[in-house]
Amino acid sequence: MLVIRPIAQKDFPTLKQFAIESGHGFTSLPVNDDLLQRKIDNSLAAFANRGTAKAEGLYFFVAEDGETGEVLGTCAIDAAVGLSDPFYNYLLGKQVHSSAKLGIYNVVETLTLTNDYTGVSELCTLFLRESARVGLNGRLLSKSRFLFLAEFSELFDHRILAEMRGVSDEQGRSPFWHWLQEHFFTMDFPTVDYLTGIGQKGFIADLMPKFPIYVNLLSKAARDVIGITHNNTRPALHLLEEEGFTWRGYVDIFDAGPSVECELSQIRSVRNSRQYTVKIGDVSQGNQHLISNTQFADFRALITEVELVGESDKDGLLTVTLTKEVAKLLKVTKGDRVRLVEI
């Protein structure tokens, strides 16, 4: 059984291996020891000092096998993007060129460089080792973050963002970036992807076109991938769409992958999750639920069968029965509170 927990220093070697395995286009996991260590340090600091309001902070989680201790995946939440470093997107829009006198009316699509997501909270760094992409593991890795958001909503923005990896081939060649490289840059896609991942974004402001780009001027290959998700990322997009995330025209400035968003309060697992009081015992008849404890620094989440009991505690919360094994993995005992939502 996989268990989600905050990342620890001991996870560095595995995190570096994930960075290697994730390949080109996975900007948030560059193969760079200093940056990976910085991400761990930032997460340790965020979990060590719980605030009372939204601020910069990286909450980094790993998926660990409850029996063997092997770490098989990662996911994270960036509490507020773009405050220390610029956060760029293209917005796909329209411009009208018309002349009533000549009877001409043309609508053309444009791409405009924006910082519209500054301060928004971002879901990021979702990676699951190929051998673990079975059963409900991917669902757990993606959706466990929503229980953390629900429990500690005061630490996050009312808008939640997720950038989807755009189209590129096995060599890291992006059709969209190829057009930009030809006209504005002299760097290939893997290079700019790596520079962005390690925080060196100054070249974007220096070299990116400052005015809207007319989409019809792009090559057909570049136009065809605008807003299209990489094949390996489509399952992750599907899970977010189940939760209510939608695309509103924002795309990545390098590979044109879509950025999807949802109001925090409208995310399905946030809206439908509830706190329950723990009871320890046998679970003979139960349904699969995503369940987490309500602890901050010791956050744990997993998917298991639980039995909802039709009785309330002194505070009016309903009771849920967990097995001893599940309670141990969640670090809870009788009388503690958990948050859960049906899968």
Foldseek 3Di string as FASTA:
>chain_A
DKKKWFDDPVCLVVLLVQQVVVAAQQLQRHNDSVLSVVLSVQQVVPLVDPDQAADFGKGKMFIADPPPRDTFWIKIKGAFPCPVAQDKWWFWDWDWDDDVVVGDIDIFIWTAIDSVRGGAMEIGRTDGHPVPPDDCVSVLRLCVVLQVCLLRVRHHDQKYKYFFGFDDDRVNAALQQVQCCVPFNVDGRRVVSHCVSSPNCPVCVVTPDNGIDTLVVGDPSNSVGAQPHYPVRVVVVVSQVVQPWDFNRIAHPRRNHTMTMDGSCSGNLSVAKDKAFEDEDDDDDFAWKWKWFSDRNGIMIDIDTKAWDPDADPVRGTYIYDYPSVCVRRVHDGGGMMMIDGD
